């Protein structure tokens, strides 16, 4: 799932480890999130959005992700 975690993390000048500590996960989890290899729990998504002062919808590009998924289903 496309997200803006890395973009916002680097814009705020914090490391993956610092972000991990702030949202109570491992740095490995942050790395996986940034690579789009892991979808967070609702609580983690909320904590991340809160950390960056944005909404979950904006952080996880939900409109774009939904449109991409809808296109995949149109071809079935």
Protein backbone atom coordinates (compact mmCIF):
# COMPACT_ATOMS: atom_id res chain seq x y z
CA UNK A 1 0.00 0.00 0.00
CA UNK A 2 1.36 3.38 -0.99
CA UNK A 3 2.05 5.70 1.94
CA UNK A 4 3.89 8.90 2.84
CA UNK A 5 5.67 7.65 5.98
CA UNK A 6 9.22 8.07 4.62
CA UNK A 7 8.42 11.42 3.02
CA UNK A 8 7.01 12.85 6.23
CA UNK A 9 9.65 11.25 8.45
CA UNK A 10 12.51 12.74 6.45
CA UNK A 11 10.75 16.11 6.24
CA UNK A 12 10.59 16.21 10.04
CA UNK A 13 14.25 15.20 10.32
CA UNK A 14 13.82 12.11 12.46
CA UNK A 15 15.38 8.70 12.00
CA UNK A 16 13.55 5.43 11.53
CA UNK A 17 14.62 4.44 15.03
CA UNK A 18 13.29 7.66 16.55
CA UNK A 19 9.95 7.25 14.81
CA UNK A 20 9.77 3.63 15.89
CA UNK A 21 10.31 4.60 19.52
CA UNK A 22 7.66 7.32 19.33
CA UNK A 23 5.00 4.94 17.98
CA UNK A 24 6.10 1.89 20.02
CA UNK A 25 7.28 -0.44 17.25
CA UNK A 26 10.64 -1.70 16.00
CA UNK A 27 12.76 0.13 13.44
CA UNK A 28 12.23 -2.95 11.24
CA UNK A 29 8.50 -2.21 11.22
CA UNK A 30 9.14 1.37 10.10
CA UNK A 31 11.44 0.11 7.33
CA UNK A 32 8.75 -2.32 6.15
CA UNK A 33 6.09 0.39 6.25
CA UNK A 34 8.24 2.76 4.21
CA UNK A 35 8.83 0.08 1.58
CA UNK A 36 5.11 -0.67 1.38
CA UNK A 37 5.73 -4.25 2.52
CA UNK A 38 3.60 -4.03 5.65
CA UNK A 39 0.14 -2.67 6.31
CA UNK A 40 -0.20 -1.31 9.84
CA UNK A 41 -2.91 -1.97 12.36
CA UNK A 42 -5.46 0.78 12.71
CA UNK A 43 -3.89 1.83 16.00
CA UNK A 44 -0.41 2.09 14.48
CA UNK A 45 -1.76 4.04 11.50
CA UNK A 46 -3.43 6.42 13.96
CA UNK A 47 -0.23 6.85 15.98
CA UNK A 48 1.79 7.57 12.83
CA UNK A 49 -0.75 10.07 11.52
CA UNK A 50 -0.84 11.77 14.91
CA UNK A 51 2.97 11.92 14.97
CA UNK A 52 2.99 13.78 11.63
CA UNK A 53 -0.05 15.96 12.31
CA UNK A 54 -2.05 14.51 9.43
CA UNK A 55 -4.95 12.16 8.87
CA UNK A 56 -4.71 8.43 8.25
CA UNK A 57 -6.34 9.04 4.87
CA UNK A 58 -3.58 11.44 3.83
CA UNK A 59 -0.75 9.41 5.33
CA UNK A 60 -1.84 6.26 3.52
CA UNK A 61 -2.96 7.90 0.27
CA UNK A 62 -6.29 6.12 0.69
CA UNK A 63 -7.96 7.80 -2.28
CA UNK A 64 -5.13 6.79 -4.63
CA UNK A 65 -4.90 3.28 -3.20
CA UNK A 66 -8.66 2.80 -3.53
CA UNK A 67 -8.60 3.97 -7.17
CA UNK A 68 -5.78 1.55 -7.99
CA UNK A 69 -7.63 -1.32 -6.35
CA UNK A 70 -10.87 -0.41 -8.15
CA UNK A 71 -9.04 -0.54 -11.49
CA UNK A 72 -7.77 -4.05 -10.72
CA UNK A 73 -11.30 -5.23 -9.97
CA UNK A 74 -12.72 -3.66 -13.15
CA UNK A 75 -10.65 -6.09 -15.19
CA UNK A 76 -12.11 -9.20 -13.55
